[in-house]
Amino acid sequence: MKLVRYGAMGRERPGLIDAEGRIRDLSAQVVDIAGAVLDPAALAGLKALDIAALPVVAEGTRLGPCIAGIGKFICIGLNFSDHAEESGMPMPPEPVVFMKATSAIAGPNDDVPIPRGSDKTDWEVELGVVIGRTAKYVTPEEAMDYVAGYCVCHDVSERGFQLERSGQWTKGKSCDGFGPIGPWLVTRDEIADPHKLAMWLKVNGEVMQDGSTRTMVFGVAYLVSYLSRFMSLHPGDIISTGTPPGVGLGFKPPRYLKPGDVVELGIEGLGSQRQTFTADN
């Protein structure tokens, strides 16, 4: 099942994608794609609906972030062995954890403003893991029972802010619009193995990232279990699990985004995004 949120920014409504790729309205069934709706039992109830009886949404309607009420946007750094190599950084013995501000969250096709003072805005396609029910001190063996599903995340990063301005990475990761998610929340039952998914990203039509979740160092179950040792994970929390090689920072010389650039990205089975980067005046 592919769940979406559609409509004007800040006024999105819940929906799902039918077999023909059309959006069907879920407003009569749930308030939003958030909270208790992400529990496995609630998702099973939505899957049992007569989809053909749901209202069809007009083609071309904007897609918003595929989840609402996100409490935590947790990111894992250097979690792809080939990306760590291109970055010239050693493989970490434990996951590198940082937060992305929830104010960075955007729709999958929304414009992304390049912040004032930025000359090193970079791209990163990532697999997002969406938590479906509260997880605390869970084992790796039971961790997948707490996953509602998956989505595409674009971990947009300003490398100067992240790496050259002292302190932690968060300020280079949290600018407005730096966290597009979606187009869909794909429920866990539709993805046989999240560690065997092709990932790609293009800038102005040129392929920059062409990788796979196969090279993830710390897998989904491990990350859910690991993070649950340090903080409770709640329904709607997102874990963005890292990126394959091909980011702008890794080029020699580095390549970064400028106003007018168009970035397209996607993950096998999870859909694709398209953003135009603009100047933030």
Protein backbone atom coordinates (compact mmCIF):
# COMPACT_ATOMS: atom_id res chain seq x y z
CA MET A 1 0.00 0.00 0.00
CA LYS A 2 1.24 3.46 -0.95
CA LEU A 3 0.00 6.25 1.31
CA VAL A 4 0.24 9.92 0.40
CA ARG A 5 -0.67 13.39 1.57
CA TYR A 6 -1.90 15.78 -1.08
CA GLY A 7 -3.04 19.36 -1.46
CA ALA A 8 -1.81 22.87 -0.74
CA MET A 9 1.14 23.32 1.57
CA GLY A 10 -0.01 23.17 5.19
CA ARG A 11 -3.46 21.90 4.22
CA GLU A 12 -2.62 18.40 2.98
CA ARG A 13 -5.17 15.60 3.14
CA PRO A 14 -4.58 11.84 3.43
CA GLY A 15 -4.78 9.53 0.46
CA LEU A 16 -3.50 6.37 -1.13
CA ILE A 17 -2.37 5.33 -4.60
CA ASP A 18 -4.59 2.90 -6.50
CA ALA A 19 -3.51 0.25 -9.02
CA GLU A 20 -3.73 2.79 -11.86
CA GLY A 21 -1.47 5.28 -10.07
CA ARG A 22 -4.30 7.67 -9.15
CA ILE A 23 -4.66 9.32 -5.75
CA ARG A 24 -7.73 8.21 -3.78
CA ASP A 25 -8.97 10.35 -0.93
CA LEU A 26 -8.86 8.89 2.62
CA SER A 27 -10.28 11.89 4.46
CA ALA A 28 -13.43 10.00 5.48
CA GLN A 29 -11.37 7.18 6.97
CA VAL A 30 -8.47 8.93 8.77
CA VAL A 31 -7.59 12.46 9.83
CA ASP A 32 -4.04 12.23 8.47
CA ILE A 33 -1.15 9.86 7.75
CA ALA A 34 0.26 10.19 11.25
CA GLY A 35 0.35 8.76 14.76
CA ALA A 36 -1.89 5.78 15.44
CA VAL A 37 -2.72 5.45 11.74
CA LEU A 38 0.81 4.07 11.27
CA ASP A 39 0.28 1.17 13.68
CA PRO A 40 0.31 -2.18 11.83
CA ALA A 41 -3.28 -2.93 12.86
CA ALA A 42 -4.52 0.42 11.55
CA LEU A 43 -2.59 -0.04 8.30
CA ALA A 44 -4.18 -3.46 7.87
CA GLY A 45 -7.59 -1.80 8.19
CA LEU A 46 -6.77 0.66 5.43
CA LYS A 47 -5.52 -2.11 3.20
CA ALA A 48 -8.86 -3.88 3.55
CA LEU A 49 -10.83 -0.90 2.21
CA ASP A 50 -12.68 -1.03 -1.10
CA ILE A 51 -10.26 1.29 -2.90
CA ALA A 52 -12.50 1.59 -5.97
CA ALA A 53 -15.15 3.23 -3.78
CA LEU A 54 -12.85 6.03 -2.62
CA PRO A 55 -13.03 9.45 -4.33
CA VAL A 56 -10.44 10.09 -7.04
CA VAL A 57 -8.24 13.18 -6.59
CA ALA A 58 -7.61 15.44 -9.57
CA GLU A 59 -4.54 14.59 -11.59
CA GLY A 60 -1.63 16.96 -11.03
CA THR A 61 -2.53 17.76 -7.42
CA ARG A 62 0.51 18.65 -5.34
CA LEU A 63 1.97 15.93 -3.13
CA GLY A 64 3.03 16.99 0.35
CA PRO A 65 5.35 15.19 2.78
CA CYS A 66 4.04 11.63 2.97
CA ILE A 67 3.83 11.68 6.79
CA ALA A 68 2.46 14.30 9.18
CA GLY A 69 3.29 15.00 12.81
CA ILE A 70 6.90 13.87 12.56
CA GLY A 71 8.49 14.17 15.98
CA LYS A 72 12.05 13.18 15.09
CA PHE A 73 13.97 13.22 11.80
CA ILE A 74 16.98 11.08 12.68
CA CYS A 75 19.85 10.74 10.21
CA ILE A 76 22.69 8.23 10.02
CA GLY A 77 25.99 9.47 8.63
CA LEU A 78 28.62 7.48 6.71
CA ASN A 79 26.39 4.40 6.63
CA PHE A 80 27.35 3.28 3.11
CA SER A 81 30.81 1.79 2.83
CA ASP A 82 31.42 3.22 -0.65
CA HIS A 83 30.25 6.70 0.41
CA ALA A 84 32.57 6.71 3.45
CA GLU A 85 35.41 5.82 1.09
CA GLU A 86 34.65 8.70 -1.30
CA SER A 87 34.41 11.08 1.68
CA GLY A 88 37.86 10.02 2.88
CA MET A 89 36.46 9.18 6.30
CA PRO A 90 36.96 5.94 8.26
CA MET A 91 34.06 3.55 8.78
CA PRO A 92 32.53 4.33 12.18
CA PRO A 93 32.45 1.51 14.76
CA GLU A 94 28.88 2.55 15.68
CA PRO A 95 26.26 4.52 13.74
CA VAL A 96 26.91 8.25 13.40
CA VAL A 97 23.65 9.86 14.55
CA PHE A 98 22.48 13.43 13.98
CA MET A 99 19.14 15.19 13.74
CA LYS A 100 17.57 17.12 10.91
CA ALA A 101 15.13 19.83 12.05
CA THR A 102 11.51 18.95 11.29
CA SER A 103 11.11 22.48 9.87
CA ALA A 104 13.27 21.25 6.95
CA ILE A 105 10.58 18.78 5.85
CA ALA A 106 9.08 19.44 2.42
CA GLY A 107 7.03 17.74 -0.26
CA PRO A 108 8.81 15.54 -2.78
CA ASN A 109 8.50 17.99 -5.67
CA ASP A 110 8.59 21.31 -3.84
CA ASP A 111 11.21 23.91 -4.74
CA VAL A 112 14.21 23.93 -2.40
CA PRO A 113 15.68 27.33 -1.44
CA ILE A 114 19.46 27.57 -1.29
CA PRO A 115 20.09 29.49 1.95
CA ARG A 116 21.79 32.86 2.12
CA GLY A 117 25.56 32.54 2.35
CA SER A 118 25.57 29.06 0.84
CA ASP A 119 27.96 28.03 -1.92
CA LYS A 120 28.19 24.32 -1.03
CA THR A 121 24.63 22.96 -1.15
CA ASP A 122 24.84 19.23 -1.88
CA TRP A 123 22.53 16.30 -2.65
CA GLU A 124 22.02 12.89 -0.98
CA VAL A 125 19.38 10.28 -1.88
CA GLU A 126 18.49 8.21 1.18
CA LEU A 127 16.17 5.41 2.30
CA GLY A 128 13.77 6.61 4.99
CA VAL A 129 12.46 4.17 7.61
CA VAL A 130 9.15 5.22 9.18
CA ILE A 131 8.33 4.04 12.70
CA GLY A 132 4.82 2.63 13.20
CA ARG A 133 4.60 2.13 16.96
CA THR A 134 6.58 3.16 20.00
CA ALA A 135 9.91 1.35 20.25
CA LYS A 136 12.07 1.34 23.37
CA TYR A 137 14.87 -1.13 24.08
CA VAL A 138 13.80 -3.40 21.23
CA THR A 139 16.07 -6.19 20.01
CA PRO A 140 17.24 -6.46 16.39
CA GLU A 141 15.13 -9.61 16.07
CA GLU A 142 11.89 -7.77 16.91
CA ALA A 143 12.78 -4.38 15.45
CA MET A 144 11.05 -4.81 12.09
CA ASP A 145 7.72 -5.21 13.88
CA TYR A 146 8.01 -1.51 14.74
CA VAL A 147 8.50 -0.34 11.15
CA ALA A 148 5.44 1.02 9.33
CA GLY A 149 7.17 1.37 5.99
CA TYR A 150 9.68 3.23 3.85
CA CYS A 151 10.01 6.41 1.81
CA VAL A 152 12.50 8.34 -0.27
CA CYS A 153 14.36 11.04 1.66
CA HIS A 154 16.50 13.76 0.14
CA ASP A 155 19.07 14.73 2.75
CA VAL A 156 20.02 18.09 1.25
CA SER A 157 23.20 19.35 2.93
CA GLU A 158 25.14 22.61 3.04
CA ARG A 159 28.71 21.35 3.40
CA GLY A 160 30.23 24.65 4.49
CA PHE A 161 27.68 25.01 7.29
CA GLN A 162 28.03 21.31 8.14
CA LEU A 163 31.80 20.86 8.13
CA GLU A 164 33.47 24.26 8.30
CA ARG A 165 31.46 26.28 10.81
CA SER A 166 32.40 24.35 13.97
CA GLY A 167 30.07 22.32 16.16
CA GLN A 168 27.78 19.54 15.02
CA TRP A 169 26.39 18.72 11.56
CA THR A 170 22.80 19.76 12.29
CA LYS A 171 23.04 23.35 11.06
CA GLY A 172 24.23 22.18 7.64
CA LYS A 173 21.34 19.73 7.37
CA SER A 174 18.35 21.68 8.68
CA CYS A 175 17.82 24.66 6.38
CA ASP A 176 14.25 25.21 5.21
CA GLY A 177 13.31 22.70 2.51
CA PHE A 178 16.36 20.50 3.10
CA GLY A 179 14.23 17.41 3.92
CA PRO A 180 11.90 16.42 1.06
CA ILE A 181 10.15 13.12 1.83
CA GLY A 182 7.90 10.97 -0.33
CA PRO A 183 6.20 10.77 -2.76
CA TRP A 184 4.71 7.83 -0.88
CA LEU A 185 4.93 5.98 2.40
CA VAL A 186 5.21 2.40 1.13
CA THR A 187 4.11 -0.09 3.78
CA ARG A 188 6.62 -2.67 4.97
CA ASP A 189 4.79 -5.62 3.42
CA GLU A 190 5.46 -4.27 -0.09
CA ILE A 191 9.27 -4.25 0.28
CA ALA A 192 10.67 -7.78 0.51
CA ASP A 193 14.16 -6.65 1.50
CA PRO A 194 15.05 -2.98 2.17
CA HIS A 195 18.72 -3.89 1.76
CA LYS A 196 18.39 -4.73 -1.95
CA LEU A 197 17.02 -1.52 -3.44
CA ALA A 198 18.55 0.46 -6.29
CA MET A 199 19.03 4.18 -5.58
CA TRP A 200 19.72 7.00 -8.04
CA LEU A 201 20.01 10.76 -8.29
CA LYS A 202 20.44 13.12 -11.26
CA VAL A 203 21.35 16.81 -11.45
CA ASN A 204 20.10 18.53 -14.61
CA GLY A 205 19.70 15.08 -16.17
CA GLU A 206 23.24 13.90 -15.36
CA VAL A 207 23.47 10.78 -13.19
CA MET A 208 25.38 11.57 -10.01
CA GLN A 209 24.39 8.73 -7.68
CA ASP A 210 23.79 5.18 -8.91
CA GLY A 211 23.97 2.90 -5.90
CA SER A 212 22.13 0.37 -3.79
CA THR A 213 21.10 -0.20 -0.21
CA ARG A 214 23.25 -3.35 -0.45
CA THR A 215 26.26 -1.32 0.70
CA MET A 216 24.62 -0.12 3.92
CA VAL A 217 26.87 -0.88 6.89
CA PHE A 218 24.20 -0.86 9.60
CA GLY A 219 20.89 -2.34 8.40
CA VAL A 220 17.34 -1.29 9.18
CA ALA A 221 16.68 -3.69 12.07
CA TYR A 222 20.01 -2.85 13.67
CA LEU A 223 19.39 0.90 13.42
CA VAL A 224 15.89 0.71 14.92
CA SER A 225 17.20 -1.40 17.78
CA TYR A 226 20.30 0.75 18.28
CA LEU A 227 18.43 4.05 18.37
CA SER A 228 15.77 2.64 20.70
CA ARG A 229 18.48 2.15 23.34
CA PHE A 230 19.06 5.90 23.52
CA MET A 231 15.59 7.36 22.87
CA SER A 232 12.05 6.14 22.45
CA LEU A 233 11.01 6.02 18.82
CA HIS A 234 7.44 7.13 18.21
CA PRO A 235 4.96 6.62 15.35
CA GLY A 236 5.92 8.88 12.47
CA ASP A 237 9.57 9.26 13.43
CA ILE A 238 11.84 8.92 10.39
CA ILE A 239 15.29 7.32 10.26
CA SER A 240 17.18 8.47 7.16
CA THR A 241 19.72 5.70 6.69
CA GLY A 242 22.57 7.25 4.69
CA THR A 243 23.57 7.71 1.08
CA PRO A 244 25.57 5.89 -1.61
CA PRO A 245 28.57 7.52 -3.35
CA GLY A 246 28.25 10.32 -5.88
CA VAL A 247 27.55 13.34 -3.68
CA GLY A 248 28.92 16.69 -4.78
CA LEU A 249 31.47 16.75 -1.97
CA GLY A 250 33.09 13.61 -3.38
CA PHE A 251 33.93 15.06 -6.80
CA LYS A 252 37.38 16.48 -7.52
CA PRO A 253 36.87 19.39 -7.54
CA PRO A 254 33.59 19.28 -5.60
CA ARG A 255 30.36 20.12 -7.43
CA TYR A 256 27.52 21.95 -5.72
CA LEU A 257 24.02 23.15 -6.54
CA LYS A 258 23.10 26.61 -7.77
CA PRO A 259 19.75 28.35 -8.37
CA GLY A 260 17.96 26.85 -11.36
CA ASP A 261 19.41 23.36 -10.96
CA VAL A 262 16.92 20.48 -11.11
CA VAL A 263 17.51 17.39 -8.99
CA GLU A 264 15.65 14.12 -9.60
CA LEU A 265 16.06 11.12 -7.32
CA GLY A 266 14.40 7.85 -6.48
CA ILE A 267 14.59 4.41 -4.89
CA GLU A 268 13.37 1.14 -6.37
CA GLY A 269 9.76 0.51 -5.31
CA LEU A 270 9.47 3.81 -3.42
CA GLY A 271 8.93 6.33 -6.19
CA SER A 272 10.84 9.44 -7.21
CA GLN A 273 11.19 13.13 -6.42
CA ARG A 274 11.98 16.22 -8.50
CA GLN A 275 13.07 19.56 -7.07
CA THR A 276 14.14 22.88 -8.56
CA PHE A 277 16.67 24.74 -6.42
CA THR A 278 16.06 28.45 -5.99
CA ALA A 279 17.74 31.43 -4.32
CA ASP A 280 16.39 32.13 -0.82
CA ASN A 281 15.91 35.89 -0.80
